[in-house]
């Protein structure tokens, strides 16, 4: 799917180059080879494929070719009770932003709605005939502004996912240390322990994927906050496009010195917002580290409870085996049937052997019970 997002216009599918005219943001969602080729022609360079976006080296995730910035990062998404991670690519030129993704993400839909709600640019005829003061400069929407809004919204969504995961970890901790007694007691201890281990493993996998996502986004924000070749500190024209409810103020056009900056260079105001996002990512990374430590603690606790249960089983087996030794020994002695055994012709010999075996069973049980091995007193 190849989509064009324009201010003041609903999202439109792109089938020909004419469909992309006037769109500062072109979005590729699980694109076909034909759509990638069409987007590459519009960009002037070959766009990365899924294999390219899956590369883990830093030079593949962040690169600049012919003045165009190619950025990519894995992005985590919650799908019900599961978490999926797929790569997302950003290609920033001087006129357009190309995004490449292979899963639908709510952050992209949110920013697409912001772009559609943004006032449309005035027609060229009106801009040429109207006085300069009457032309609303805030209607201009640039690719860098859209990229910053996308990154902000993605980070906000990641924070929501982390909050949901924190609640899941709290529930998991409660199930491990204070198991509920209200549920049906049909499940065996083994199935409960297996379920707890699976949940702990899923939480550990989530932390690992979230850390990869945050690392990729931190690389992108660091690149964007430091990418400038001239004193391009002047704010970009237009109002801020943001889902964070940041107050907007009219801004001045770029100077000639700013125009000579790299095509992927952000304005001073946008770099300030990127710096704020970078701090947010650092705080989220610290939260993930804390969650990962908690996951390791819960894993150790689960394994500890498993060891305790295993020790309890081994204790019972030890008691049972010990209790069976003495009666077996007595039965073996009196079952030899030697001719000169004193009890062989004794009329009470049978009952004597049974009583002796019963005593060797009861006395160890009483002793183990008093020691607390069978749930008795210590």
Protein backbone atom coordinates (compact mmCIF):
# COMPACT_ATOMS: atom_id res chain seq x y z
CA UNK A 1 0.00 0.00 0.00
CA UNK A 2 1.41 3.39 -1.06
CA UNK A 3 -0.28 6.38 0.60
CA UNK A 4 0.04 10.15 0.20
CA UNK A 5 -0.66 12.43 3.17
CA UNK A 6 -1.42 16.08 2.44
CA UNK A 7 -2.51 18.93 4.74
CA UNK A 8 -6.24 19.47 4.63
CA UNK A 9 -6.82 16.43 2.39
CA UNK A 10 -7.75 12.87 3.25
CA UNK A 11 -5.20 10.12 2.72
CA UNK A 12 -5.01 8.98 -0.89
CA UNK A 13 -3.51 5.89 -2.47
CA UNK A 14 -0.70 6.47 -4.99
CA UNK A 15 -0.78 4.66 -8.30
CA UNK A 16 0.96 7.14 -10.58
CA UNK A 17 3.56 9.89 -9.97
CA UNK A 18 0.82 12.50 -10.42
CA UNK A 19 -0.98 11.13 -7.34
CA UNK A 20 1.99 12.16 -5.17
CA UNK A 21 2.09 15.79 -6.21
CA UNK A 22 1.89 18.22 -3.28
CA UNK A 23 2.36 15.49 -0.65
CA UNK A 24 5.17 16.05 1.84
CA UNK A 25 4.73 12.58 3.36
CA UNK A 26 4.59 9.39 1.30
CA UNK A 27 3.85 6.28 3.35
CA UNK A 28 4.65 2.73 2.24
CA UNK A 29 2.74 0.06 4.18
CA UNK A 30 3.86 -3.49 3.35
CA UNK A 31 4.74 -2.33 -0.17
CA UNK A 32 4.98 -4.45 -3.29
CA UNK A 33 7.98 -4.36 -5.61
CA UNK A 34 6.11 -2.07 -8.00
CA UNK A 35 5.25 0.37 -5.19
CA UNK A 36 8.88 0.39 -3.99
CA UNK A 37 10.04 1.09 -7.52
CA UNK A 38 7.54 3.93 -7.91
CA UNK A 39 8.59 5.42 -4.56
CA UNK A 40 12.25 5.11 -5.56
CA UNK A 41 11.56 7.06 -8.74
CA UNK A 42 9.82 9.79 -6.72
CA UNK A 43 12.70 9.88 -4.24
CA UNK A 44 15.42 9.76 -6.86
CA UNK A 45 17.16 6.91 -5.02
CA UNK A 46 16.49 3.25 -4.36
CA UNK A 47 14.51 2.77 -1.17
CA UNK A 48 15.49 0.07 1.36
CA UNK A 49 13.75 -3.29 1.40
CA UNK A 50 12.77 -5.39 4.40
CA UNK A 51 16.15 -7.13 4.40
CA UNK A 52 17.91 -3.76 4.33
CA UNK A 53 15.86 -2.48 7.25
CA UNK A 54 16.59 -5.65 9.25
CA UNK A 55 20.33 -4.97 9.18
CA UNK A 56 21.66 -4.39 12.69
CA UNK A 57 24.87 -2.45 12.03
CA UNK A 58 24.70 1.25 12.75
CA UNK A 59 25.93 2.25 9.29
CA UNK A 60 22.95 0.46 7.74
CA UNK A 61 20.38 1.96 10.09
CA UNK A 62 21.65 5.53 9.74
CA UNK A 63 23.24 6.69 6.50
CA UNK A 64 23.31 9.66 4.16
CA UNK A 65 23.46 9.26 0.39
CA UNK A 66 23.46 12.25 -1.97
CA UNK A 67 22.06 14.52 0.71
CA UNK A 68 19.21 12.16 1.63
CA UNK A 69 19.04 10.67 5.13
CA UNK A 70 18.13 6.99 5.43
CA UNK A 71 17.03 6.06 8.96
CA UNK A 72 15.64 2.81 10.31
CA UNK A 73 14.82 1.19 13.62
CA UNK A 74 12.93 -1.84 14.92
CA UNK A 75 9.56 -0.84 16.31
CA UNK A 76 7.65 -2.75 18.96
CA UNK A 77 3.91 -3.18 18.70
CA UNK A 78 1.42 -4.76 21.07
CA UNK A 79 -0.95 -7.23 19.45
CA UNK A 80 -3.34 -8.41 22.15
CA UNK A 81 -1.26 -10.25 24.73
CA UNK A 82 1.73 -10.59 22.38
CA UNK A 83 4.39 -8.13 21.31
CA UNK A 84 5.69 -7.96 17.74
CA UNK A 85 8.78 -6.16 16.48
CA UNK A 86 9.27 -5.18 12.84
CA UNK A 87 11.61 -2.61 11.25
CA UNK A 88 10.48 0.84 10.18
CA UNK A 89 12.36 3.05 7.73
CA UNK A 90 12.44 6.83 7.33
CA UNK A 91 13.86 8.54 4.22
CA UNK A 92 14.14 12.30 4.65
CA UNK A 93 14.76 14.55 1.64
CA UNK A 94 14.53 18.30 1.31
CA UNK A 95 10.93 18.10 0.08
CA UNK A 96 9.47 14.82 1.23
CA UNK A 97 9.44 12.20 3.94
CA UNK A 98 9.18 8.56 2.89
CA UNK A 99 8.21 6.02 5.54
CA UNK A 100 8.48 2.27 5.01
CA UNK A 101 6.72 -0.12 7.38
CA UNK A 102 5.41 -3.65 7.23
CA UNK A 103 2.86 -3.54 10.06
CA UNK A 104 0.15 -0.98 10.82
CA UNK A 105 1.04 1.24 13.79
CA UNK A 106 -1.30 3.54 15.66
CA UNK A 107 1.36 6.27 15.81
CA UNK A 108 1.35 6.60 12.02
CA UNK A 109 -2.43 6.78 11.93
CA UNK A 110 -2.38 9.50 14.60
CA UNK A 111 0.10 11.66 12.69
CA UNK A 112 -1.72 11.03 9.42
CA UNK A 113 -4.85 12.45 11.05
CA UNK A 114 -2.84 15.46 12.27
CA UNK A 115 -1.61 16.08 8.74
CA UNK A 116 -5.11 15.79 7.32
CA UNK A 117 -6.43 18.24 9.92
CA UNK A 118 -3.61 20.71 9.21
CA UNK A 119 -4.72 23.72 7.13
CA UNK A 120 -4.05 23.25 3.44
CA UNK A 121 -1.58 25.49 1.64
CA UNK A 122 -3.16 28.32 -0.40
CA UNK A 123 -3.20 27.97 -4.17
CA UNK A 124 -0.21 29.39 -6.02
CA UNK A 125 -2.39 31.92 -7.76
CA UNK A 126 -3.67 33.31 -4.50
CA UNK A 127 -0.17 33.43 -3.08
CA UNK A 128 1.08 35.33 -6.12
CA UNK A 129 -1.69 37.94 -6.20
CA UNK A 130 -2.36 38.46 -2.53
CA UNK A 131 -0.30 40.85 -0.42
CA UNK A 132 2.55 39.17 1.51
CA UNK A 133 0.99 39.97 4.86
CA UNK A 134 -2.24 38.22 3.93
CA UNK A 135 -0.61 34.91 2.97
CA UNK A 136 -0.78 32.58 6.01
CA UNK A 137 2.74 31.21 6.44
CA UNK A 138 1.57 28.66 9.01
CA UNK A 139 -0.04 26.56 6.27
CA UNK A 140 3.38 25.34 5.08
CA UNK A 141 4.12 21.81 6.30
CA UNK A 142 7.59 20.39 5.77
CA UNK A 143 8.90 16.84 5.81
CA UNK A 144 11.10 17.49 8.85
CA UNK A 145 8.09 18.66 10.84
CA UNK A 146 6.23 15.46 9.99
CA UNK A 147 9.23 13.31 10.94
CA UNK A 148 9.55 15.01 14.33
CA UNK A 149 5.83 14.55 14.98
CA UNK A 150 6.11 10.89 14.01
CA UNK A 151 9.02 10.28 16.38
CA UNK A 152 7.23 12.07 19.22
CA UNK A 153 4.08 10.02 18.72
CA UNK A 154 6.03 6.76 18.45
CA UNK A 155 7.81 7.48 21.74
CA UNK A 156 4.47 8.29 23.40
CA UNK A 157 3.07 4.97 22.19
CA UNK A 158 6.14 3.13 23.45
CA UNK A 159 5.60 4.74 26.85
CA UNK A 160 2.01 3.45 26.86
CA UNK A 161 3.23 -0.05 25.98
CA UNK A 162 5.76 0.11 28.81
CA UNK A 163 3.05 1.15 31.26
CA UNK A 164 0.92 -1.81 30.18
CA UNK A 165 3.91 -4.11 30.56
CA UNK A 166 4.55 -2.72 34.04
CA UNK A 167 1.01 -3.68 35.03
CA UNK A 168 1.53 -7.18 33.62
CA UNK A 169 4.72 -7.54 35.66
CA UNK A 170 2.88 -6.48 38.81
CA UNK A 171 0.20 -9.09 38.13
CA UNK A 172 2.86 -11.72 37.46
CA UNK A 173 4.65 -10.85 40.70
CA UNK A 174 1.39 -11.20 42.63
CA UNK A 175 0.69 -14.58 41.04
CA UNK A 176 4.16 -15.82 41.96
CA UNK A 177 4.32 -14.64 45.58
CA UNK A 178 0.61 -14.55 46.47
CA UNK A 179 -1.18 -17.14 44.32
CA UNK A 180 -4.95 -16.78 44.31
CA UNK A 181 -6.89 -19.49 46.15
CA UNK A 182 -10.24 -18.62 44.55
CA UNK A 183 -9.63 -20.31 41.22
CA UNK A 184 -10.33 -23.96 40.47
CA UNK A 185 -7.77 -26.33 41.96
CA UNK A 186 -7.79 -28.56 38.90
CA UNK A 187 -4.43 -27.50 37.50
CA UNK A 188 -1.44 -29.40 38.78
CA UNK A 189 1.56 -27.70 40.31
CA UNK A 190 3.64 -28.54 37.24
CA UNK A 191 1.21 -26.80 34.86
CA UNK A 192 1.11 -23.71 37.07
CA UNK A 193 4.89 -23.53 37.22
CA UNK A 194 5.10 -24.00 33.46
CA UNK A 195 2.61 -21.16 32.96
CA UNK A 196 4.60 -18.86 35.26
CA UNK A 197 7.85 -19.65 33.45
CA UNK A 198 6.23 -18.92 30.08
CA UNK A 199 4.96 -15.56 31.34
CA UNK A 200 8.35 -14.66 32.77
CA UNK A 201 9.98 -15.66 29.48
CA UNK A 202 7.54 -13.51 27.50
CA UNK A 203 8.31 -10.56 29.77
CA UNK A 204 12.04 -11.07 29.24
CA UNK A 205 11.57 -11.22 25.47
CA UNK A 206 9.52 -8.02 25.62
CA UNK A 207 12.27 -6.19 27.54
CA UNK A 208 14.86 -7.29 24.99
CA UNK A 209 12.76 -6.14 22.03
CA UNK A 210 11.86 -2.88 23.73
CA UNK A 211 15.53 -2.16 24.42
CA UNK A 212 16.32 -2.70 20.71
CA UNK A 213 13.52 -0.33 19.76
CA UNK A 214 14.66 2.37 22.19
CA UNK A 215 18.26 2.00 21.04
CA UNK A 216 17.23 2.45 17.40
CA UNK A 217 15.09 5.49 18.18
CA UNK A 218 17.89 7.01 20.29
CA UNK A 219 20.27 6.69 17.34
CA UNK A 220 17.78 8.47 15.10
CA UNK A 221 17.14 11.30 17.55
CA UNK A 222 20.87 11.74 18.17
CA UNK A 223 21.50 11.94 14.43
CA UNK A 224 18.72 14.44 13.85
CA UNK A 225 19.67 16.63 16.82
CA UNK A 226 23.28 16.92 15.64
CA UNK A 227 22.81 17.00 11.85
CA UNK A 228 23.58 20.54 10.75
CA UNK A 229 26.24 22.00 8.48
CA UNK A 230 25.51 25.69 8.98
CA UNK A 231 23.97 27.85 11.67
CA UNK A 232 20.52 26.54 10.80
CA UNK A 233 19.08 27.53 14.14
CA UNK A 234 16.23 29.57 12.73
CA UNK A 235 12.81 28.01 13.29
CA UNK A 236 11.13 26.37 10.35
CA UNK A 237 8.16 28.12 8.78
CA UNK A 238 4.76 27.03 9.94
CA UNK A 239 3.09 25.93 13.14
CA UNK A 240 4.29 22.90 15.06
CA UNK A 241 2.61 19.65 14.11
CA UNK A 242 2.53 17.59 17.30
CA UNK A 243 0.31 15.15 19.16
CA UNK A 244 1.76 16.37 22.48
CA UNK A 245 -0.40 19.50 22.66
CA UNK A 246 2.59 21.87 22.40
CA UNK A 247 1.51 25.48 22.04
CA UNK A 248 2.24 26.83 18.56
CA UNK A 249 3.61 30.25 17.72
CA UNK A 250 4.13 31.88 14.31
CA UNK A 251 7.65 31.34 13.01
CA UNK A 252 9.90 33.17 10.58
CA UNK A 253 11.08 31.80 7.22
CA UNK A 254 14.50 30.22 6.82
CA UNK A 255 17.44 32.45 5.99
CA UNK A 256 19.70 31.98 2.99
CA UNK A 257 22.38 30.44 5.22
CA UNK A 258 19.88 27.94 6.51
CA UNK A 259 18.87 27.03 2.98
CA UNK A 260 22.44 25.95 2.31
CA UNK A 261 22.30 23.43 5.13
CA UNK A 262 22.01 19.73 4.51
CA UNK A 263 18.65 18.68 3.13
CA UNK A 264 18.01 16.52 6.18
CA UNK A 265 18.93 19.28 8.65
CA UNK A 266 16.16 20.21 11.08
CA UNK A 267 15.48 23.70 12.30
CA UNK A 268 16.41 24.89 15.76
CA UNK A 269 12.85 24.49 17.08
CA UNK A 270 12.59 20.97 15.70
CA UNK A 271 15.98 20.01 17.11
CA UNK A 272 14.78 21.26 20.48
CA UNK A 273 11.81 18.94 20.26
CA UNK A 274 14.07 16.08 19.19
CA UNK A 275 16.30 16.75 22.21
CA UNK A 276 13.23 16.49 24.45
CA UNK A 277 12.33 13.19 22.80
CA UNK A 278 15.89 11.99 23.36
CA UNK A 279 15.54 12.68 27.09
CA UNK A 280 12.24 10.81 27.10
CA UNK A 281 13.94 7.86 25.44
CA UNK A 282 16.65 7.89 28.11
CA UNK A 283 14.01 7.76 30.84
CA UNK A 284 12.20 4.92 29.05
CA UNK A 285 15.48 3.05 28.73
CA UNK A 286 16.01 3.37 32.49
CA UNK A 287 12.47 2.05 33.02
CA UNK A 288 13.21 -0.93 30.77
CA UNK A 289 16.40 -1.64 32.73
CA UNK A 290 14.38 -1.65 35.94
CA UNK A 291 11.77 -3.92 34.36
CA UNK A 292 14.49 -6.27 33.13
CA UNK A 293 15.95 -6.49 36.63
CA UNK A 294 12.47 -7.28 37.93
CA UNK A 295 12.04 -9.99 35.31
CA UNK A 296 15.33 -11.59 36.36
CA UNK A 297 14.22 -11.42 40.00
CA UNK A 298 10.87 -13.03 39.16
CA UNK A 299 12.67 -15.74 37.19
CA UNK A 300 14.93 -16.50 40.16
CA UNK A 301 11.90 -16.50 42.46
CA UNK A 302 9.98 -18.87 40.20
CA UNK A 303 12.92 -21.25 39.95
CA UNK A 304 13.34 -21.00 43.73
CA UNK A 305 9.72 -22.01 44.32
CA UNK A 306 10.17 -24.87 41.86
CA UNK A 307 13.18 -26.05 43.85
CA UNK A 308 11.19 -25.83 47.07
CA UNK A 309 8.40 -27.93 45.56
CA UNK A 310 10.93 -30.43 44.28
CA UNK A 311 12.54 -30.63 47.71
CA UNK A 312 9.12 -31.28 49.22
CA UNK A 313 8.53 -34.11 46.77
CA UNK A 314 11.95 -35.57 47.48
CA UNK A 315 11.26 -35.31 51.22
CA UNK A 316 8.06 -37.32 50.85
CA UNK A 317 9.82 -39.92 48.73
CA UNK A 318 12.58 -40.16 51.34
CA UNK A 319 10.06 -40.70 54.14
CA UNK A 320 8.19 -43.34 52.13
CA UNK A 321 11.36 -45.19 51.18
CA UNK A 322 12.70 -45.08 54.74
CA UNK A 323 9.43 -46.38 56.19
CA UNK A 324 9.43 -49.29 53.78
CA UNK A 325 12.95 -50.47 54.63
CA UNK A 326 12.30 -51.93 58.12
CA UNK A 327 9.09 -53.88 57.24
CA UNK A 328 10.81 -55.25 54.17
CA UNK A 329 13.78 -56.36 56.27
CA UNK A 330 11.51 -58.10 58.81
CA UNK A 331 9.49 -59.79 56.08
CA UNK A 332 12.72 -60.94 54.43
CA UNK A 333 14.10 -62.40 57.67
CA UNK A 334 10.99 -64.34 58.56
CA UNK A 335 10.44 -65.40 55.00
CA UNK A 336 13.66 -67.43 54.84
CA UNK A 337 12.02 -70.50 56.43
CA UNK A 338 15.16 -71.96 58.00
CA UNK A 339 14.52 -75.22 59.86
CA UNK A 340 15.98 -74.03 63.17
CA UNK A 341 14.19 -70.63 63.36
CA UNK A 342 12.76 -70.26 66.92
CA UNK A 343 9.56 -68.57 65.77
CA UNK A 344 8.87 -71.14 63.05
CA UNK A 345 6.64 -73.34 65.21
CA UNK A 346 5.39 -70.52 67.44
CA UNK A 347 1.60 -70.13 67.28
CA UNK A 348 1.86 -66.35 67.66
CA UNK A 349 4.78 -65.95 65.22
CA UNK A 350 2.65 -64.64 62.37
CA UNK A 351 0.97 -61.97 64.49
CA UNK A 352 4.29 -61.10 66.08
CA UNK A 353 5.88 -60.39 62.68
CA UNK A 354 2.89 -58.30 61.56
CA UNK A 355 2.96 -56.26 64.78
CA UNK A 356 6.69 -55.72 64.48
CA UNK A 357 6.30 -54.48 60.90
CA UNK A 358 3.42 -52.17 61.93
CA UNK A 359 5.53 -50.73 64.75
CA UNK A 360 8.43 -50.03 62.37
CA UNK A 361 5.98 -48.08 60.18
CA UNK A 362 4.14 -46.09 62.87
CA UNK A 363 7.16 -45.06 64.95
CA UNK A 364 9.09 -43.40 62.05
CA UNK A 365 5.88 -41.65 60.92
CA UNK A 366 5.41 -40.19 64.41
CA UNK A 367 9.06 -39.12 64.48
CA UNK A 368 8.89 -37.46 61.06
CA UNK A 369 5.63 -35.74 62.03
CA UNK A 370 7.19 -34.28 65.19
CA UNK A 371 10.16 -33.08 63.11
CA UNK A 372 7.75 -31.20 60.85
CA UNK A 373 8.45 -33.16 57.69
CA UNK A 374 4.82 -34.19 57.34
CA UNK A 375 3.28 -30.86 58.31
CA UNK A 376 3.31 -31.48 62.07
CA UNK A 377 4.91 -29.56 64.89
CA UNK A 378 8.64 -28.90 65.18
